[in-house]
Structure formats: C-alpha cells, structure tokens
N, C-alpha and C. Protein backbone atom coordinates (compact mmCIF):
# COMPACT_ATOMS: atom_id res chain seq x y z
N MET A 1 89.09 88.31 101.83
CA MET A 1 88.01 89.75 102.02
C MET A 1 89.00 91.15 102.00
N CYS A 2 88.73 92.24 101.38
CA CYS A 2 88.92 93.98 100.55
C CYS A 2 88.23 95.18 101.83
N GLN A 3 88.56 95.90 102.01
CA GLN A 3 87.68 96.77 103.48
C GLN A 3 88.51 98.48 102.64
N ALA A 4 87.58 98.96 102.66
CA ALA A 4 87.64 100.74 102.79
C ALA A 4 89.05 100.62 103.86
N ILE A 5 89.84 101.28 103.41
CA ILE A 5 90.18 101.57 104.79
C ILE A 5 90.90 103.07 104.24
N PRO A 6 91.25 104.05 105.49
CA PRO A 6 91.90 104.81 105.32
C PRO A 6 92.81 105.29 104.94
N ARG A 7 94.50 105.47 103.97
CA ARG A 7 95.49 106.10 103.67
C ARG A 7 96.10 107.10 103.72
N LYS A 8 96.83 107.75 104.27
CA LYS A 8 97.68 109.09 104.11
C LYS A 8 98.59 109.43 102.82
N VAL A 9 98.52 109.89 102.14
CA VAL A 9 99.14 111.23 100.29
C VAL A 9 100.02 111.37 101.42
N LEU A 10 101.61 110.60 100.71
CA LEU A 10 103.07 110.52 100.47
C LEU A 10 103.13 111.79 99.62
N SER A 11 102.81 112.09 98.64
CA SER A 11 103.34 112.45 97.20
C SER A 11 102.06 112.15 95.84
N THR A 12 102.36 113.08 94.59
CA THR A 12 100.96 112.55 94.21
C THR A 12 101.72 112.67 92.67
N ASP A 13 101.08 111.79 91.86
CA ASP A 13 102.15 112.12 90.15
C ASP A 13 100.67 111.82 89.79
N GLY A 14 100.35 113.62 88.86
CA GLY A 14 98.96 113.07 88.03
C GLY A 14 97.75 112.06 89.00
N ALA A 15 97.52 111.56 88.20
CA ALA A 15 95.98 110.59 88.61
C ALA A 15 96.47 109.78 89.27
N ARG A 16 97.19 109.49 89.86
CA ARG A 16 98.16 108.71 91.00
C ARG A 16 98.30 109.44 91.96
N ALA A 17 98.27 109.01 93.54
CA ALA A 17 98.54 109.40 94.45
C ALA A 17 99.68 108.48 94.94
N GLN A 18 100.47 108.70 95.48
CA GLN A 18 101.01 107.40 96.75
C GLN A 18 100.66 107.26 98.10
N VAL A 19 100.75 106.67 98.62
CA VAL A 19 99.80 106.38 100.21
C VAL A 19 100.61 105.39 101.07
N ASP A 20 100.52 105.61 102.37
CA ASP A 20 101.06 104.70 103.45
C ASP A 20 100.78 104.05 103.37
N TYR A 21 101.23 102.44 102.68
CA TYR A 21 100.10 101.57 103.05
C TYR A 21 100.46 100.06 103.95
N ASP A 22 99.83 100.22 105.35
CA ASP A 22 101.08 100.00 106.46
C ASP A 22 102.29 100.13 106.57
N GLY A 23 102.77 101.22 106.12
CA GLY A 23 104.13 101.00 106.29
C GLY A 23 105.03 100.87 105.00
N GLN A 24 104.30 100.85 104.00
CA GLN A 24 105.21 100.42 102.83
C GLN A 24 104.14 101.40 101.65
N PRO A 25 105.03 102.69 100.83
CA PRO A 25 104.82 103.06 99.49
C PRO A 25 103.72 102.57 99.21
N THR A 26 102.20 102.72 98.54
CA THR A 26 102.55 102.41 97.29
C THR A 26 101.52 102.99 96.12
N TRP A 27 101.35 103.02 95.64
CA TRP A 27 100.79 103.55 94.73
C TRP A 27 99.23 103.52 94.26
N VAL A 28 98.65 104.78 93.74
CA VAL A 28 96.91 103.67 93.61
C VAL A 28 96.45 104.81 92.33
N GLU A 29 95.24 104.71 91.39
CA GLU A 29 94.89 105.82 90.69
C GLU A 29 93.62 106.72 91.63
N ALA A 30 94.60 108.16 91.63
CA ALA A 30 93.42 109.20 91.88
C ALA A 30 92.99 109.99 91.81
N GLY A 31 92.86 109.29 89.62
CA GLY A 31 92.20 111.10 89.04
C GLY A 31 91.11 111.42 89.79
N ALA A 32 89.76 110.31 90.02
CA ALA A 32 88.75 110.99 90.23
C ALA A 32 88.88 112.25 91.58
N ILE A 33 89.63 112.09 92.20
CA ILE A 33 89.79 113.24 93.24
C ILE A 33 90.34 114.48 92.70
N THR A 34 90.63 115.40 92.29
CA THR A 34 90.96 116.43 92.42
C THR A 34 91.56 116.93 93.32
N GLY A 35 92.79 118.09 93.35
CA GLY A 35 94.22 118.61 94.21
C GLY A 35 94.22 117.74 95.40
N LEU A 36 94.33 116.39 95.33
CA LEU A 36 95.14 116.30 96.96
C LEU A 36 96.62 116.84 97.32
N THR A 37 96.53 116.44 98.48
CA THR A 37 97.91 117.36 98.84
C THR A 37 98.49 115.95 99.68
N VAL A 38 99.51 116.36 100.32
CA VAL A 38 100.42 115.45 100.65
C VAL A 38 100.08 115.52 101.92
N GLY A 39 99.40 114.00 102.77
CA GLY A 39 98.99 114.59 104.14
C GLY A 39 98.01 114.28 104.33
N GLU A 40 96.86 114.50 103.33
CA GLU A 40 95.79 114.49 102.93
C GLU A 40 95.66 112.95 103.40
N TYR A 41 93.81 112.59 103.76
CA TYR A 41 93.93 110.97 103.93
C TYR A 41 92.84 110.23 103.02
N VAL A 42 93.03 109.41 102.52
CA VAL A 42 91.73 109.14 101.51
C VAL A 42 91.44 107.36 101.46
N VAL A 43 89.67 107.36 100.99
CA VAL A 43 89.57 105.67 101.61
C VAL A 43 90.41 105.39 99.88
N VAL A 44 90.82 104.27 100.88
CA VAL A 44 90.79 103.47 99.53
C VAL A 44 90.72 101.75 99.19
N TYR A 45 90.27 101.92 97.31
CA TYR A 45 89.78 100.50 98.25
C TYR A 45 90.03 99.83 96.38
N ALA A 46 90.50 97.85 96.82
CA ALA A 46 91.49 97.98 95.39
C ALA A 46 91.89 98.63 94.46
N GLY A 47 93.41 99.46 95.35
CA GLY A 47 94.13 100.11 94.90
C GLY A 47 93.85 101.19 94.27
N GLN A 48 92.12 101.83 94.25
CA GLN A 48 91.71 103.16 93.81
C GLN A 48 91.27 103.88 95.06
N ALA A 49 91.05 105.78 95.29
CA ALA A 49 91.64 106.20 95.98
C ALA A 49 90.03 106.21 95.38
N LEU A 50 89.22 106.80 96.49
CA LEU A 50 87.69 106.36 95.80
C LEU A 50 86.71 108.38 97.17
N ASP A 51 88.13 108.77 97.73
CA ASP A 51 87.26 109.75 98.40
C ASP A 51 88.37 110.08 99.31
N ARG A 52 88.26 111.36 99.50
CA ARG A 52 89.14 112.28 101.10
C ARG A 52 88.02 112.11 102.26
N MET A 53 89.11 111.77 103.08
CA MET A 53 88.89 111.38 105.13
C MET A 53 89.15 112.61 105.32
N PRO A 54 87.94 113.06 106.32
CA PRO A 54 88.40 114.12 107.00
C PRO A 54 89.57 113.65 108.65
N VAL A 55 91.23 114.16 108.35
CA VAL A 55 92.10 113.58 109.09
C VAL A 55 91.99 113.23 110.56
N ASP A 56 90.88 114.34 111.24
CA ASP A 56 90.54 113.60 112.57
C ASP A 56 90.03 112.18 112.13
N GLU A 57 89.44 112.23 111.76
CA GLU A 57 88.09 110.81 111.35
C GLU A 57 89.52 109.27 111.01
N ALA A 58 89.92 110.08 109.68
CA ALA A 58 91.43 108.70 108.98
C ALA A 58 91.99 108.60 110.87
N GLU A 59 92.07 109.02 111.49
CA GLU A 59 93.22 108.85 112.82
C GLU A 59 92.10 108.21 113.07
N ALA A 60 91.23 108.18 113.90
CA ALA A 60 90.33 107.29 114.39
C ALA A 60 90.33 106.45 114.34
N MET A 61 90.44 106.57 112.60
CA MET A 61 89.42 104.51 112.52
C MET A 61 90.72 103.53 112.49
N LEU A 62 92.39 104.13 112.42
CA LEU A 62 92.94 103.52 111.65
C LEU A 62 93.50 102.58 113.35
N ALA A 63 93.20 103.61 114.65
CA ALA A 63 93.59 103.54 115.50
C ALA A 63 92.61 102.31 116.64
N PHE A 64 91.08 101.87 115.45
CA PHE A 64 90.41 101.50 116.34
C PHE A 64 90.89 100.13 115.42
N TYR A 65 91.50 100.49 114.13
CA TYR A 65 92.40 99.00 113.38
C TYR A 65 93.03 98.13 114.47
N GLY A 66 94.01 99.23 114.96
CA GLY A 66 94.61 98.67 115.30
C GLY A 66 94.63 98.27 116.83
N GLU A 67 93.54 98.97 117.85
CA GLU A 67 92.90 98.34 118.39
C GLU A 67 92.19 97.02 118.25
N LEU A 68 91.71 96.62 117.89
CA LEU A 68 91.28 95.60 117.42
C LEU A 68 92.17 94.11 116.48
N GLU A 69 93.32 95.20 115.86
CA GLU A 69 94.09 93.84 116.15
C GLU A 69 94.44 93.22 116.95
N SER A 70 94.84 93.93 117.50
CA SER A 70 95.96 93.93 118.49
C SER A 70 94.58 93.03 120.07
N LEU A 71 93.63 93.41 119.78
CA LEU A 71 92.98 92.02 121.03
C LEU A 71 92.32 90.91 119.90
N LEU A 72 92.13 90.40 118.70
CA LEU A 72 92.08 89.91 118.24
C LEU A 72 93.28 88.61 118.14
N GLU A 73 94.80 89.50 117.50
CA GLU A 73 95.43 88.23 118.61
C GLU A 73 95.73 88.04 120.15
N ALA A 74 95.51 88.46 121.36
CA ALA A 74 95.33 88.38 121.97
C ALA A 74 94.54 87.85 122.53
N ALA A 75 93.17 88.11 121.94
CA ALA A 75 92.36 86.17 121.72
C ALA A 75 92.45 84.67 121.31
N SER A 76 93.37 84.86 120.41
CA SER A 76 94.31 83.69 119.78
C SER A 76 94.64 83.27 119.94
N ARG A 77 96.08 82.93 121.32
CA ARG A 77 96.66 83.14 122.64
C ARG A 77 96.30 82.44 123.05
C-alpha cells in the first residue's frame, strides 16, 4: 500500500525535487509545482510530488507517523 507522505525538499533541478525519504535523498517528479524551494514540504505519492504542505502540518504528521510506528512495534512484542 502506498501513502501520500510529506517529504522535505533538499534540492531542486528543473522539474524534479530531491526529498528526504526516511533519511535517504530521493528524486521525485515535481513539474506540477512551480517555485519549490529548499526546506519546503511536498506531499509525495508514487514518486510524484503532488502539492506543497505547510511546514507545521507536515512536521506534525511525520511526528504522528513516528509515534504510531513505535506503538505498533511495542504492541507486536
């Protein structure tokens, strides 16, 4: 199952953006989003940046996913 996840923009190159994908720099297509800058967050699904996301919302969502993952790991022990 794929999820649309916020990813932080590390660099841009034309119609592509390099994003932080769980600690790994990964290039995604971003031609539909003009004027991306380093430090912004984009919602990524299947290798495509779909839209910008406000920093506070993106960081809150990523924190929630991190907490959820920890709870699931603890429950599986």
